[in-house]
Amino acid sequence: MIQADADLSRLDRAIVNAFQGGFPVVERPFEPAAAALRERGVDVTATDLCERVRTLDEEGVLSRFGALVNAEEIGGTATLVAMHAPPERFDEVAEQVNAHREVAHNYEREHPHLNMWFVVSVAEASRVDEVLGDIEDETGQATYNMPKRHEFHVGAKFLLDGPVSDGDLDLSHLGPDVEPTDARTLTPDERDLVMEIQGGLPITETPYADVAEAVGQEPSWVVETIKRFNLEGKVRRVGVIPNHYALGYSENGMTVWNVPDDLVAEVGPEIASLDFVTHCYRRPRHEGVWPYNFFAMTHGRSEAESEARIEQVREVMSDYWDVGDDDWDTLFSTRILKKTGIRLDERAEANTE
């Protein structure tokens, strides 16, 4: 396990470890959450637990508390894009790219040519080409679209020394029995709910009742809908979402691999099973510019730890094929250029019946 850079108490560490997923979706969720911690030897009341989560959120140890909405299942599309920004014009190009509201995240990454990587999020898939065309016209630089072809894994737990160190506390079974549907669109009420919870839940002892009041619904409807969304994949998980930088994970390396096409489906789940891999996808190559078709994001607290973890990925890869030096690379992020989060309003609206 790791030692966090943040000055965290035993209770803080228990919260981070226990509730990165599987937080109860019931009208007063902090009561069963506190009871579960007491069973693990952490003496805390529901009121104290709620107050401590609120403090961790205010101090930036948490990015937010609540439901992590799966934007892809809500509607629209998002894609990863790479481009070259000439060093002498880098900041100018970054401003031009970031001026597009469709650009959600933008990072400078270490690569001799493709040094700018951003995410485009749109309500209609056809808009991607339009946005990229505008960016190319404005910057004079080619863009390389790398949409997700297959998702093997998204999400990881950043665990700390302390109680519940295995992160194995899951209270998602609590609450009403609901049945998932096969609906691909949202109702107007569901759209309003998504808009209300996308930035997090209120950190009160009755968060779902507070959301219900905001959207003009009964608390039971909010609880049932969020729990159903969780089963349907519209919500990836409910819980605390740590700020991994605050926990000391300052190194994030985007490892990219030229995996033989006939092995990707076999290799993907193996790499995804590594507990330090947070995202794992198949993406397209770009002939003559980008030879890699497999992406695995790793996080570490130091350059040495990151390199050790990347070596573990390479070792797993080597079990399946002969990995040459030219078959992979790691692109460390050197600067966050923009991070506004995926804008769901237009995407949800376009997918509402």
Protein backbone atom coordinates (compact mmCIF):
# COMPACT_ATOMS: atom_id res chain seq x y z
CA MET A 1 0.00 0.00 0.00
CA ILE A 2 1.00 3.66 -0.25
CA GLN A 3 1.41 6.59 2.05
CA ALA A 4 -0.68 9.58 1.04
CA ASP A 5 0.89 13.00 0.76
CA ALA A 6 -2.26 14.52 2.22
CA ASP A 7 -2.45 14.66 6.01
CA LEU A 8 -5.17 12.07 6.40
CA SER A 9 -6.53 10.62 9.63
CA ARG A 10 -7.44 6.99 10.18
CA LEU A 11 -11.08 7.85 9.45
CA ASP A 12 -10.11 9.73 6.30
CA ARG A 13 -8.19 6.72 5.04
CA ALA A 14 -11.12 4.45 5.83
CA ILE A 15 -13.43 6.71 3.83
CA VAL A 16 -11.12 6.81 0.81
CA ASN A 17 -10.58 3.04 0.88
CA ALA A 18 -14.14 1.97 1.60
CA PHE A 19 -16.31 4.22 -0.53
CA GLN A 20 -14.74 4.61 -3.96
CA GLY A 21 -17.64 2.51 -5.19
CA GLY A 22 -20.60 0.72 -3.71
CA PHE A 23 -21.92 3.57 -1.55
CA PRO A 24 -25.49 2.77 -0.50
CA VAL A 25 -28.30 4.20 -2.61
CA VAL A 26 -30.89 4.61 0.15
CA GLU A 27 -32.60 7.72 1.45
CA ARG A 28 -30.22 8.07 4.44
CA PRO A 29 -27.05 6.46 3.05
CA PHE A 30 -24.60 7.60 5.71
CA GLU A 31 -26.31 5.46 8.35
CA PRO A 32 -25.55 2.04 6.76
CA ALA A 33 -22.19 3.38 5.56
CA ALA A 34 -21.19 4.32 9.12
CA ALA A 35 -22.49 0.98 10.44
CA ALA A 36 -20.34 -0.86 7.88
CA LEU A 37 -17.26 1.07 8.99
CA ARG A 38 -17.99 0.30 12.63
CA GLU A 39 -18.04 -3.40 11.72
CA ARG A 40 -14.54 -2.88 10.29
CA GLY A 41 -13.32 -1.30 13.54
CA VAL A 42 -13.79 2.37 12.63
CA ASP A 43 -15.98 4.03 15.28
CA VAL A 44 -18.00 6.74 13.53
CA THR A 45 -21.57 8.01 13.48
CA ALA A 46 -23.55 8.84 10.36
CA THR A 47 -23.37 12.54 11.19
CA ASP A 48 -19.61 12.49 11.71
CA LEU A 49 -19.08 10.46 8.54
CA CYS A 50 -21.10 12.92 6.49
CA GLU A 51 -19.23 15.88 7.96
CA ARG A 52 -15.87 14.28 7.26
CA VAL A 53 -16.76 13.49 3.64
CA ARG A 54 -17.83 17.13 3.25
CA THR A 55 -14.51 18.33 4.68
CA LEU A 56 -12.47 16.04 2.42
CA ASP A 57 -14.41 17.41 -0.54
CA GLU A 58 -13.84 21.02 0.53
CA GLU A 59 -10.13 20.39 1.07
CA GLY A 60 -9.72 18.88 -2.38
CA VAL A 61 -8.85 15.36 -1.25
CA LEU A 62 -11.99 14.30 -3.11
CA SER A 63 -12.85 15.46 -6.60
CA ARG A 64 -16.48 14.99 -5.64
CA PHE A 65 -18.96 12.72 -3.90
CA GLY A 66 -21.81 11.04 -5.71
CA ALA A 67 -22.65 9.17 -8.89
CA LEU A 68 -20.04 8.89 -11.62
CA VAL A 69 -22.18 9.27 -14.74
CA ASN A 70 -21.16 7.22 -17.77
CA ALA A 71 -21.43 9.88 -20.47
CA GLU A 72 -21.32 7.34 -23.28
CA GLU A 73 -24.53 5.70 -22.03
CA ILE A 74 -26.31 9.03 -21.58
CA GLY A 75 -26.05 10.03 -25.23
CA GLY A 76 -23.78 11.55 -27.83
CA THR A 77 -20.15 10.63 -28.15
CA ALA A 78 -16.65 11.56 -27.03
CA THR A 79 -13.37 10.87 -28.76
CA LEU A 80 -9.65 11.23 -28.04
CA VAL A 81 -7.70 13.41 -30.45
CA ALA A 82 -3.97 13.99 -30.85
CA MET A 83 -2.14 16.73 -32.72
CA HIS A 84 1.22 18.40 -33.08
CA ALA A 85 1.56 21.90 -31.68
CA PRO A 86 4.83 23.54 -32.81
CA PRO A 87 6.86 24.45 -29.69
CA GLU A 88 7.13 28.08 -30.70
CA ARG A 89 3.33 28.27 -31.05
CA PHE A 90 2.32 25.79 -28.39
CA ASP A 91 0.44 28.18 -26.09
CA GLU A 92 -1.28 29.86 -29.04
CA VAL A 93 -2.46 26.50 -30.41
CA ALA A 94 -3.62 25.43 -26.94
CA GLU A 95 -5.75 28.57 -26.65
CA GLN A 96 -7.29 27.94 -30.07
CA VAL A 97 -8.13 24.33 -29.20
CA ASN A 98 -9.40 25.15 -25.71
CA ALA A 99 -11.69 27.88 -27.06
CA HIS A 100 -13.93 25.16 -28.46
CA ARG A 101 -16.57 24.32 -25.88
CA GLU A 102 -16.65 20.78 -27.24
CA VAL A 103 -13.09 20.25 -25.94
CA ALA A 104 -13.39 18.89 -22.42
CA HIS A 105 -9.88 17.78 -21.46
CA ASN A 106 -6.58 18.83 -22.97
CA TYR A 107 -3.10 17.68 -21.92
CA GLU A 108 0.43 18.34 -23.02
CA ARG A 109 2.18 14.96 -23.27
CA GLU A 110 5.76 13.92 -23.84
CA HIS A 111 6.05 12.82 -27.48
CA PRO A 112 8.40 14.02 -30.24
CA HIS A 113 5.50 14.84 -32.53
CA LEU A 114 2.01 14.34 -31.04
CA ASN A 115 2.41 16.56 -27.99
CA MET A 116 -1.19 17.71 -27.48
CA TRP A 117 -4.02 15.32 -26.55
CA PHE A 118 -7.62 16.39 -26.03
CA VAL A 119 -11.13 14.98 -25.73
CA VAL A 120 -13.97 16.19 -27.93
CA SER A 121 -17.49 15.64 -26.55
CA VAL A 122 -20.53 16.24 -28.77
CA ALA A 123 -24.24 15.46 -28.85
CA GLU A 124 -24.11 14.06 -32.38
CA ALA A 125 -21.29 11.86 -33.64
CA SER A 126 -21.32 13.68 -36.98
CA ARG A 127 -20.18 16.84 -35.18
CA VAL A 128 -16.74 15.38 -34.44
CA ASP A 129 -15.48 15.90 -37.99
CA GLU A 130 -16.89 19.42 -38.00
CA VAL A 131 -15.11 20.38 -34.77
CA LEU A 132 -11.83 18.82 -35.88
CA GLY A 133 -12.09 20.56 -39.25
CA ASP A 134 -12.49 23.91 -37.51
CA ILE A 135 -9.51 23.22 -35.26
CA GLU A 136 -7.35 22.26 -38.25
CA ASP A 137 -8.36 25.43 -40.13
CA GLU A 138 -7.64 27.65 -37.11
CA THR A 139 -4.33 26.07 -36.07
CA GLY A 140 -2.97 24.90 -39.41
CA GLN A 141 -2.22 21.54 -37.81
CA ALA A 142 -3.54 18.09 -38.66
CA THR A 143 -5.63 16.26 -36.05
CA TYR A 144 -5.63 12.51 -35.48
CA ASN A 145 -8.92 11.13 -34.25
CA MET A 146 -8.61 8.04 -32.03
CA PRO A 147 -12.12 6.97 -31.05
CA LYS A 148 -12.60 4.07 -28.68
CA ARG A 149 -13.03 0.80 -30.56
CA HIS A 150 -13.30 -1.39 -27.49
CA GLU A 151 -13.36 -0.56 -23.78
CA PHE A 152 -11.68 -3.16 -21.60
CA HIS A 153 -11.68 -1.21 -18.35
CA VAL A 154 -12.41 2.21 -16.87
CA GLY A 155 -11.80 3.09 -13.25
CA ALA A 156 -9.41 2.15 -10.47
CA LYS A 157 -9.22 2.41 -6.72
CA PHE A 158 -6.50 4.51 -5.15
CA LEU A 159 -6.07 2.65 -1.87
CA LEU A 160 -4.18 3.82 1.21
CA ASP A 161 -2.63 2.26 4.29
CA GLY A 162 -5.34 2.01 6.92
CA PRO A 163 -8.74 0.43 7.49
CA VAL A 164 -10.48 -1.39 4.63
CA SER A 165 -7.13 -1.46 2.85
CA ASP A 166 -8.43 -3.91 0.23
CA GLY A 167 -11.22 -1.55 -0.81
CA ASP A 168 -13.66 -4.45 -0.61
CA LEU A 169 -16.59 -2.76 1.10
CA ASP A 170 -19.57 -2.77 -1.27
CA LEU A 171 -22.99 -1.61 -0.09
CA SER A 172 -24.56 -1.29 -3.53
CA HIS A 173 -26.93 -4.16 -2.75
CA LEU A 174 -28.83 -2.00 -0.26
CA GLY A 175 -31.97 -0.19 -1.28
CA PRO A 176 -34.99 -1.01 -3.41
CA ASP A 177 -35.12 -3.87 -5.87
CA VAL A 178 -35.12 -2.44 -9.38
CA GLU A 179 -35.05 -3.95 -12.85
CA PRO A 180 -32.78 -2.59 -15.59
CA THR A 181 -34.39 -1.64 -18.88
CA ASP A 182 -33.04 -1.76 -22.41
CA ALA A 183 -34.02 1.86 -23.12
CA ARG A 184 -31.33 3.74 -25.01
CA THR A 185 -32.98 7.13 -24.59
CA LEU A 186 -33.85 9.23 -21.54
CA THR A 187 -37.18 10.54 -20.40
CA PRO A 188 -37.35 14.27 -19.62
CA ASP A 189 -37.37 13.48 -15.88
CA GLU A 190 -34.30 11.26 -16.24
CA ARG A 191 -32.52 13.97 -18.22
CA ASP A 192 -33.19 16.47 -15.43
CA LEU A 193 -31.86 14.00 -12.89
CA VAL A 194 -28.64 13.45 -14.87
CA MET A 195 -28.12 17.20 -15.09
CA GLU A 196 -28.61 17.56 -11.35
CA ILE A 197 -26.22 14.79 -10.26
CA GLN A 198 -23.47 15.03 -12.90
CA GLY A 199 -21.35 17.30 -10.70
CA GLY A 200 -21.91 15.27 -7.55
CA LEU A 201 -24.50 14.76 -4.84
CA PRO A 202 -25.16 17.20 -2.00
CA ILE A 203 -23.03 16.11 0.96
CA THR A 204 -25.82 15.96 3.51
CA GLU A 205 -27.34 13.09 5.46
CA THR A 206 -30.23 13.08 2.94
CA PRO A 207 -28.53 13.67 -0.43
CA TYR A 208 -31.17 11.91 -2.53
CA ALA A 209 -34.00 13.84 -0.88
CA ASP A 210 -32.14 17.06 -1.62
CA VAL A 211 -31.79 16.04 -5.27
CA ALA A 212 -35.48 15.09 -5.34
CA GLU A 213 -36.46 18.54 -4.13
CA ALA A 214 -34.27 20.16 -6.79
CA VAL A 215 -35.84 18.18 -9.65
CA GLY A 216 -39.40 18.12 -8.32
CA GLN A 217 -39.61 14.39 -7.65
CA GLU A 218 -40.14 12.08 -4.71
CA PRO A 219 -36.97 10.84 -2.94
CA SER A 220 -38.02 7.24 -3.64
CA TRP A 221 -38.05 7.94 -7.38
CA VAL A 222 -34.53 9.43 -7.24
CA VAL A 223 -33.20 6.46 -5.26
CA GLU A 224 -34.81 3.92 -7.58
CA THR A 225 -33.67 5.71 -10.73
CA ILE A 226 -30.04 6.13 -9.65
CA LYS A 227 -29.90 2.50 -8.57
CA ARG A 228 -31.38 1.43 -11.91
CA PHE A 229 -28.91 3.67 -13.76
CA ASN A 230 -26.12 1.89 -11.87
CA LEU A 231 -27.40 -1.50 -13.07
CA GLU A 232 -27.82 -0.23 -16.63
CA GLY A 233 -24.35 1.29 -16.82
CA LYS A 234 -25.55 4.89 -17.07
CA VAL A 235 -23.84 5.36 -13.71
CA ARG A 236 -20.47 3.63 -13.36
CA ARG A 237 -20.43 3.76 -9.55
CA VAL A 238 -21.66 5.76 -6.56
CA GLY A 239 -19.23 6.87 -3.91
CA VAL A 240 -16.29 9.16 -3.21
CA ILE A 241 -14.13 10.07 -6.18
CA PRO A 242 -10.60 10.84 -4.96
CA ASN A 243 -8.38 13.55 -6.32
CA HIS A 244 -5.48 11.23 -7.10
CA TYR A 245 -3.04 14.15 -7.17
CA ALA A 246 -3.95 14.93 -3.55
CA LEU A 247 -3.18 11.31 -2.68
CA GLY A 248 0.25 11.65 -4.23
CA TYR A 249 -0.40 10.08 -7.64
CA SER A 250 1.39 12.80 -9.56
CA GLU A 251 2.65 10.58 -12.40
CA ASN A 252 0.16 9.38 -14.99
CA GLY A 253 1.57 7.56 -17.96
CA MET A 254 -0.40 6.79 -21.10
CA THR A 255 1.20 3.58 -22.33
CA VAL A 256 0.53 2.76 -25.97
CA TRP A 257 1.17 -0.53 -27.72
CA ASN A 258 1.23 -1.93 -31.23
CA VAL A 259 -0.52 -5.19 -30.37
CA PRO A 260 -1.10 -7.72 -33.17
CA ASP A 261 -4.73 -7.32 -34.18
CA ASP A 262 -5.57 -10.96 -33.62
CA LEU A 263 -4.37 -10.76 -29.99
CA VAL A 264 -6.03 -7.55 -28.80
CA ALA A 265 -9.19 -9.27 -27.54
CA GLU A 266 -7.08 -11.72 -25.54
CA VAL A 267 -4.53 -9.23 -24.21
CA GLY A 268 -7.04 -6.53 -23.26
CA PRO A 269 -8.68 -8.26 -20.28
CA GLU A 270 -5.28 -9.27 -18.89
CA ILE A 271 -3.98 -5.71 -18.88
CA ALA A 272 -7.31 -4.43 -17.56
CA SER A 273 -7.00 -6.77 -14.57
CA LEU A 274 -3.88 -4.98 -13.28
CA ASP A 275 -5.09 -2.92 -10.32
CA PHE A 276 -3.02 0.17 -11.23
CA VAL A 277 -4.42 0.41 -14.79
CA THR A 278 -7.26 2.93 -14.72
CA HIS A 279 -8.26 3.01 -18.38
CA CYS A 280 -7.72 0.39 -21.06
CA TYR A 281 -8.94 0.73 -24.66
CA ARG A 282 -8.44 -0.37 -28.24
CA ARG A 283 -8.09 2.62 -30.60
CA PRO A 284 -7.22 2.99 -34.30
CA ARG A 285 -3.73 3.43 -35.72
CA HIS A 286 -2.81 6.25 -38.12
CA GLU A 287 -0.49 4.99 -40.83
CA GLY A 288 2.85 6.73 -40.98
CA VAL A 289 2.14 8.78 -37.85
CA TRP A 290 0.79 6.59 -35.08
CA PRO A 291 1.43 2.83 -35.08
CA TYR A 292 -0.26 1.99 -31.76
CA ASN A 293 -3.72 0.44 -31.34
CA PHE A 294 -3.87 -0.28 -27.59
CA PHE A 295 -3.90 2.27 -24.73
CA ALA A 296 -3.43 1.57 -21.02
CA MET A 297 -3.31 4.42 -18.50
CA THR A 298 -1.24 3.89 -15.36
CA HIS A 299 -0.80 6.02 -12.25
CA GLY A 300 2.05 6.21 -9.76
CA ARG A 301 3.38 8.36 -6.94
CA SER A 302 6.84 8.73 -8.43
CA GLU A 303 8.62 8.30 -11.73
CA ALA A 304 10.25 5.14 -10.38
CA GLU A 305 6.93 3.63 -9.32
CA SER A 306 5.38 4.51 -12.67
CA GLU A 307 8.26 2.92 -14.55
CA ALA A 308 7.94 -0.24 -12.44
CA ARG A 309 4.24 -0.47 -13.20
CA ILE A 310 4.76 0.13 -16.89
CA GLU A 311 7.33 -2.69 -16.84
CA GLN A 312 4.63 -4.93 -15.35
CA VAL A 313 2.37 -4.08 -18.29
CA ARG A 314 5.22 -4.94 -20.68
CA GLU A 315 5.81 -8.25 -18.93
CA VAL A 316 2.15 -9.21 -19.32
CA MET A 317 2.25 -8.17 -22.97
CA SER A 318 5.36 -10.32 -23.47
CA ASP A 319 3.45 -13.40 -22.38
CA TYR A 320 1.41 -13.09 -25.58
CA TRP A 321 3.78 -11.73 -28.23
CA ASP A 322 7.36 -10.67 -28.81
CA VAL A 323 7.31 -7.01 -27.77
CA GLY A 324 10.02 -5.02 -29.51
CA ASP A 325 11.37 -1.64 -28.44
CA ASP A 326 9.50 0.04 -31.29
CA ASP A 327 6.22 -1.63 -30.38
CA TRP A 328 5.35 0.57 -27.41
CA ASP A 329 5.82 3.96 -25.81
CA THR A 330 4.78 5.91 -22.72
CA LEU A 331 3.45 9.45 -22.93
CA PHE A 332 3.63 11.18 -19.56
CA SER A 333 1.47 14.25 -19.11
CA THR A 334 3.51 17.37 -18.43
CA ARG A 335 0.76 19.98 -18.22
CA ILE A 336 -3.02 20.14 -17.87
CA LEU A 337 -4.17 22.59 -20.53
CA LYS A 338 -7.93 22.29 -19.93
CA LYS A 339 -10.12 20.16 -17.72
CA THR A 340 -13.77 21.12 -17.63
CA GLY A 341 -15.29 17.66 -17.56
CA ILE A 342 -17.60 16.17 -20.14
CA ARG A 343 -20.54 18.49 -20.81
CA LEU A 344 -23.63 16.31 -20.59
CA ASP A 345 -26.35 18.90 -21.07
CA GLU A 346 -26.47 18.89 -24.87
CA ARG A 347 -25.75 15.17 -25.09
CA ALA A 348 -28.53 14.26 -22.68
CA GLU A 349 -30.96 16.68 -24.32
CA ALA A 350 -30.32 15.20 -27.76
CA ASN A 351 -30.99 11.72 -26.37
CA THR A 352 -34.26 12.61 -24.61
CA GLU A 353 -37.63 11.46 -25.91
